[in-house]
Amino acid sequence: MSDETEAAAGEAPAQQFSIKKLYVKDLSFESPKTPEVFGGKAARNPNINLQINTETRPGNDDMFEVVLNITVTATVEDSTLYLVEIKQAGLFLIKGFDQSVRDNLLGSHCPSALFPFAREVIAGMVAKGGFPQLILEPINFDALYAQHLSKIKQNAPAPDTPQ
């Protein structure tokens, strides 16, 4: 039975979720203080700052591009040892889900699928830059998405507030 026939018969269309393509959209590695930083112990124990956000863009035929933006900055005191920026992207087919489930897939599940690929690229870039291995810990994208929804609710105007 086709999707149209099912919809005509009063049934919901079949739900589909699949990863169609994974790719690096943008990648940058900078090490402004090399080679001087290689001689000291500081390069072995830098402070690591991790920033993450996502972007979602709808496409045609229930396709969505999700981009996971990650910036890793390694510093010692006020000096930057290295900076890695990656935009790890994917094309996802998301069809037949209601709005809240689709939003959850885009805000949590898709970034979770992209993160291991971005983590691998970041680790490789840091190693190729001559620095000790960097292993990023797993990230709970479900919790981050829940925080995002909570923040939206807090900033939303009260239902009876004139706008």
C-alpha atoms as a PDB file:
ATOM      1  CA  MET A   1       0.000   0.000   0.000  1.00  0.00           C
ATOM      2  CA  SER A   2       1.447   3.416  -0.914  1.00  0.00           C
ATOM      3  CA  ASP A   3       1.713   6.351   1.481  1.00  0.00           C
ATOM      4  CA  GLU A   4      -1.129   8.103  -0.360  1.00  0.00           C
ATOM      5  CA  THR A   5      -3.400   5.061  -0.102  1.00  0.00           C
ATOM      6  CA  GLU A   6      -2.657   4.721   3.616  1.00  0.00           C
ATOM      7  CA  ALA A   7      -3.363   8.413   4.218  1.00  0.00           C
ATOM      8  CA  ALA A   8      -6.598   8.128   2.255  1.00  0.00           C
ATOM      9  CA  ALA A   9      -7.621   5.141   4.377  1.00  0.00           C
ATOM     10  CA  GLY A  10      -7.183   7.267   7.519  1.00  0.00           C
ATOM     11  CA  GLU A  11      -3.870   5.738   8.554  1.00  0.00           C
ATOM     12  CA  ALA A  12      -0.784   7.787   9.322  1.00  0.00           C
ATOM     13  CA  PRO A  13       1.949   7.663   6.681  1.00  0.00           C
ATOM     14  CA  ALA A  14       4.834   5.308   7.434  1.00  0.00           C
ATOM     15  CA  GLN A  15       7.538   6.771   9.620  1.00  0.00           C
ATOM     16  CA  GLN A  16      11.014   6.869   8.169  1.00  0.00           C
ATOM     17  CA  PHE A  17      14.292   7.999   9.646  1.00  0.00           C
ATOM     18  CA  SER A  18      17.580   7.375   7.893  1.00  0.00           C
ATOM     19  CA  ILE A  19      21.000   8.874   7.424  1.00  0.00           C
ATOM     20  CA  LYS A  20      21.527   9.585   3.732  1.00  0.00           C
ATOM     21  CA  LYS A  21      24.932  11.284   3.778  1.00  0.00           C
ATOM     22  CA  LEU A  22      27.653  12.257   6.280  1.00  0.00           C
ATOM     23  CA  TYR A  23      30.283  14.838   5.383  1.00  0.00           C
ATOM     24  CA  VAL A  24      32.671  17.471   6.695  1.00  0.00           C
ATOM     25  CA  LYS A  25      31.309  20.841   5.612  1.00  0.00           C
ATOM     26  CA  ASP A  26      34.139  22.980   7.020  1.00  0.00           C
ATOM     27  CA  LEU A  27      37.359  22.226   8.893  1.00  0.00           C
ATOM     28  CA  SER A  28      40.107  24.386  10.364  1.00  0.00           C
ATOM     29  CA  PHE A  29      43.185  23.784  12.513  1.00  0.00           C
ATOM     30  CA  GLU A  30      45.355  26.614  13.823  1.00  0.00           C
ATOM     31  CA  SER A  31      48.446  26.479  15.996  1.00  0.00           C
ATOM     32  CA  PRO A  32      49.714  30.039  16.283  1.00  0.00           C
ATOM     33  CA  LYS A  33      52.592  29.405  18.715  1.00  0.00           C
ATOM     34  CA  THR A  34      54.376  26.509  17.023  1.00  0.00           C
ATOM     35  CA  PRO A  35      57.145  25.441  17.133  1.00  0.00           C
ATOM     36  CA  GLU A  36      57.889  27.244  20.407  1.00  0.00           C
ATOM     37  CA  VAL A  37      55.131  25.411  22.336  1.00  0.00           C
ATOM     38  CA  PHE A  38      56.553  21.964  21.632  1.00  0.00           C
ATOM     39  CA  GLY A  39      59.494  22.385  24.019  1.00  0.00           C
ATOM     40  CA  GLY A  40      57.543  22.976  27.214  1.00  0.00           C
ATOM     41  CA  LYS A  41      55.528  20.815  29.557  1.00  0.00           C
ATOM     42  CA  ALA A  42      52.553  23.153  29.150  1.00  0.00           C
ATOM     43  CA  ALA A  43      51.624  21.642  25.788  1.00  0.00           C
ATOM     44  CA  ARG A  44      51.024  18.307  27.535  1.00  0.00           C
ATOM     45  CA  ASN A  45      48.368  19.622  29.966  1.00  0.00           C
ATOM     46  CA  PRO A  46      46.453  22.441  28.284  1.00  0.00           C
ATOM     47  CA  ASN A  47      43.080  23.769  29.346  1.00  0.00           C
ATOM     48  CA  ILE A  48      40.512  22.538  26.814  1.00  0.00           C
ATOM     49  CA  ASN A  49      37.466  24.653  25.997  1.00  0.00           C
ATOM     50  CA  LEU A  50      34.738  22.939  23.979  1.00  0.00           C
ATOM     51  CA  GLN A  51      31.892  24.821  22.305  1.00  0.00           C
ATOM     52  CA  ILE A  52      29.074  23.012  20.508  1.00  0.00           C
ATOM     53  CA  ASN A  53      25.987  24.082  18.624  1.00  0.00           C
ATOM     54  CA  THR A  54      23.832  22.759  15.826  1.00  0.00           C
ATOM     55  CA  GLU A  55      22.138  24.153  12.782  1.00  0.00           C
ATOM     56  CA  THR A  56      19.234  22.576  10.934  1.00  0.00           C
ATOM     57  CA  ARG A  57      18.075  23.343   7.434  1.00  0.00           C
ATOM     58  CA  PRO A  58      15.056  21.722   5.805  1.00  0.00           C
ATOM     59  CA  GLY A  59      15.459  20.524   2.240  1.00  0.00           C
ATOM     60  CA  ASN A  60      13.237  18.890  -0.323  1.00  0.00           C
ATOM     61  CA  ASP A  61      11.314  15.626   0.082  1.00  0.00           C
ATOM     62  CA  ASP A  62      11.519  15.370   3.894  1.00  0.00           C
ATOM     63  CA  MET A  63      15.316  15.766   3.842  1.00  0.00           C
ATOM     64  CA  PHE A  64      17.076  17.828   6.508  1.00  0.00           C
ATOM     65  CA  GLU A  65      20.665  18.979   6.758  1.00  0.00           C
ATOM     66  CA  VAL A  66      21.963  18.997  10.325  1.00  0.00           C
ATOM     67  CA  VAL A  67      25.329  20.616  11.006  1.00  0.00           C
ATOM     68  CA  LEU A  68      27.168  19.997  14.259  1.00  0.00           C
ATOM     69  CA  ASN A  69      29.550  22.906  14.923  1.00  0.00           C
ATOM     70  CA  ILE A  70      32.377  22.124  17.328  1.00  0.00           C
ATOM     71  CA  THR A  71      35.203  24.420  18.388  1.00  0.00           C
ATOM     72  CA  VAL A  72      38.021  23.106  20.570  1.00  0.00           C
ATOM     73  CA  THR A  73      40.485  25.606  21.986  1.00  0.00           C
ATOM     74  CA  ALA A  74      43.557  24.437  23.908  1.00  0.00           C
ATOM     75  CA  THR A  75      45.215  27.111  26.024  1.00  0.00           C
ATOM     76  CA  VAL A  76      47.958  27.495  28.582  1.00  0.00           C
ATOM     77  CA  GLU A  77      47.587  30.663  30.626  1.00  0.00           C
ATOM     78  CA  ASP A  78      46.711  33.315  28.014  1.00  0.00           C
ATOM     79  CA  SER A  79      48.354  31.518  25.120  1.00  0.00           C
ATOM     80  CA  THR A  80      46.447  29.452  22.546  1.00  0.00           C
ATOM     81  CA  LEU A  81      48.207  26.197  21.701  1.00  0.00           C
ATOM     82  CA  TYR A  82      45.712  25.144  19.065  1.00  0.00           C
ATOM     83  CA  LEU A  83      42.209  25.746  17.811  1.00  0.00           C
ATOM     84  CA  VAL A  84      40.147  23.188  15.901  1.00  0.00           C
ATOM     85  CA  GLU A  85      36.840  24.066  14.264  1.00  0.00           C
ATOM     86  CA  ILE A  86      34.685  21.557  12.444  1.00  0.00           C
ATOM     87  CA  LYS A  87      31.263  21.615  10.865  1.00  0.00           C
ATOM     88  CA  GLN A  88      30.311  17.940  10.681  1.00  0.00           C
ATOM     89  CA  ALA A  89      27.137  17.608   8.642  1.00  0.00           C
ATOM     90  CA  GLY A  90      24.629  15.027   7.588  1.00  0.00           C
ATOM     91  CA  LEU A  91      21.572  14.664   5.402  1.00  0.00           C
ATOM     92  CA  PHE A  92      18.720  12.909   7.169  1.00  0.00           C
ATOM     93  CA  LEU A  93      15.416  11.628   5.829  1.00  0.00           C
ATOM     94  CA  ILE A  94      12.721  12.286   8.450  1.00  0.00           C
ATOM     95  CA  LYS A  95       9.210  11.445   7.298  1.00  0.00           C
ATOM     96  CA  GLY A  96       5.873  10.731   8.943  1.00  0.00           C
ATOM     97  CA  PHE A  97       6.666  12.020  12.443  1.00  0.00           C
ATOM     98  CA  ASP A  98       4.707  14.695  14.280  1.00  0.00           C
ATOM     99  CA  GLN A  99       6.428  18.050  14.859  1.00  0.00           C
ATOM    100  CA  SER A 100       7.655  17.376  18.422  1.00  0.00           C
ATOM    101  CA  VAL A 101       9.182  14.000  17.543  1.00  0.00           C
ATOM    102  CA  ARG A 102      10.782  15.434  14.400  1.00  0.00           C
ATOM    103  CA  ASP A 103      12.223  18.334  16.418  1.00  0.00           C
ATOM    104  CA  ASN A 104      13.629  15.862  18.944  1.00  0.00           C
ATOM    105  CA  LEU A 105      15.226  13.808  16.168  1.00  0.00           C
ATOM    106  CA  LEU A 106      16.788  16.947  14.666  1.00  0.00           C
ATOM    107  CA  GLY A 107      17.872  18.413  18.013  1.00  0.00           C
ATOM    108  CA  SER A 108      19.161  15.295  19.731  1.00  0.00           C
ATOM    109  CA  HIS A 109      19.351  12.125  17.653  1.00  0.00           C
ATOM    110  CA  CYS A 110      20.986  13.648  14.555  1.00  0.00           C
ATOM    111  CA  PRO A 111      23.754  15.469  16.495  1.00  0.00           C
ATOM    112  CA  SER A 112      24.367  12.233  18.431  1.00  0.00           C
ATOM    113  CA  ALA A 113      24.888  10.435  15.114  1.00  0.00           C
ATOM    114  CA  LEU A 114      27.273  13.136  13.856  1.00  0.00           C
ATOM    115  CA  PHE A 115      29.407  13.506  17.000  1.00  0.00           C
ATOM    116  CA  PRO A 116      31.549  10.331  16.701  1.00  0.00           C
ATOM    117  CA  PHE A 117      32.621  11.360  13.202  1.00  0.00           C
ATOM    118  CA  ALA A 118      33.517  14.885  14.345  1.00  0.00           C
ATOM    119  CA  ARG A 119      35.377  13.511  17.383  1.00  0.00           C
ATOM    120  CA  GLU A 120      37.486  11.278  15.135  1.00  0.00           C
ATOM    121  CA  VAL A 121      38.386  14.169  12.808  1.00  0.00           C
ATOM    122  CA  ILE A 122      39.287  16.426  15.747  1.00  0.00           C
ATOM    123  CA  ALA A 123      41.514  13.740  17.305  1.00  0.00           C
ATOM    124  CA  GLY A 124      43.301  13.263  13.987  1.00  0.00           C
ATOM    125  CA  MET A 125      43.818  16.982  13.453  1.00  0.00           C
ATOM    126  CA  VAL A 126      45.273  17.483  16.932  1.00  0.00           C
ATOM    127  CA  ALA A 127      47.639  14.530  16.496  1.00  0.00           C
ATOM    128  CA  LYS A 128      48.717  15.739  13.042  1.00  0.00           C
ATOM    129  CA  GLY A 129      49.339  19.145  14.591  1.00  0.00           C
ATOM    130  CA  GLY A 130      51.990  17.526  16.790  1.00  0.00           C
ATOM    131  CA  PHE A 131      50.073  17.605  20.071  1.00  0.00           C
ATOM    132  CA  PRO A 132      49.209  14.800  22.525  1.00  0.00           C
ATOM    133  CA  GLN A 133      46.115  12.755  21.839  1.00  0.00           C
ATOM    134  CA  LEU A 134      42.806  14.506  22.502  1.00  0.00           C
ATOM    135  CA  ILE A 135      39.851  12.268  23.294  1.00  0.00           C
ATOM    136  CA  LEU A 136      36.572  14.131  23.639  1.00  0.00           C
ATOM    137  CA  GLU A 137      34.183  12.604  26.150  1.00  0.00           C
ATOM    138  CA  PRO A 138      30.749  11.463  24.942  1.00  0.00           C
ATOM    139  CA  ILE A 139      28.077  14.156  24.996  1.00  0.00           C
ATOM    140  CA  ASN A 140      24.494  13.673  26.154  1.00  0.00           C
ATOM    141  CA  PHE A 141      22.627  15.428  23.351  1.00  0.00           C
ATOM    142  CA  ASP A 142      19.275  14.423  24.896  1.00  0.00           C
ATOM    143  CA  ALA A 143      20.147  16.503  27.987  1.00  0.00           C
ATOM    144  CA  LEU A 144      21.394  19.419  25.869  1.00  0.00           C
ATOM    145  CA  TYR A 145      18.182  19.394  23.835  1.00  0.00           C
ATOM    146  CA  ALA A 146      16.098  19.280  27.042  1.00  0.00           C
ATOM    147  CA  GLN A 147      18.043  22.303  28.360  1.00  0.00           C
ATOM    148  CA  HIS A 148      17.385  24.105  25.085  1.00  0.00           C
ATOM    149  CA  LEU A 149      13.629  23.443  25.357  1.00  0.00           C
ATOM    150  CA  SER A 150      13.632  24.572  28.985  1.00  0.00           C
ATOM    151  CA  LYS A 151      15.395  27.811  28.063  1.00  0.00           C
ATOM    152  CA  ILE A 152      12.837  28.467  25.317  1.00  0.00           C
ATOM    153  CA  LYS A 153       9.970  27.938  27.786  1.00  0.00           C
ATOM    154  CA  GLN A 154      11.557  30.308  30.314  1.00  0.00           C
ATOM    155  CA  ASN A 155      11.983  33.026  27.705  1.00  0.00           C
ATOM    156  CA  ALA A 156       8.513  32.592  26.197  1.00  0.00           C
ATOM    157  CA  PRO A 157       5.939  35.261  27.091  1.00  0.00           C
ATOM    158  CA  ALA A 158       3.081  34.271  29.406  1.00  0.00           C
ATOM    159  CA  PRO A 159      -0.016  33.092  27.470  1.00  0.00           C
ATOM    160  CA  ASP A 160      -2.048  36.165  28.400  1.00  0.00           C
ATOM    161  CA  THR A 161       0.776  38.676  27.831  1.00  0.00           C
ATOM    162  CA  PRO A 162       0.065  41.152  25.016  1.00  0.00           C
ATOM    163  CA  GLN A 163       2.768  41.203  22.359  1.00  0.00           C
END
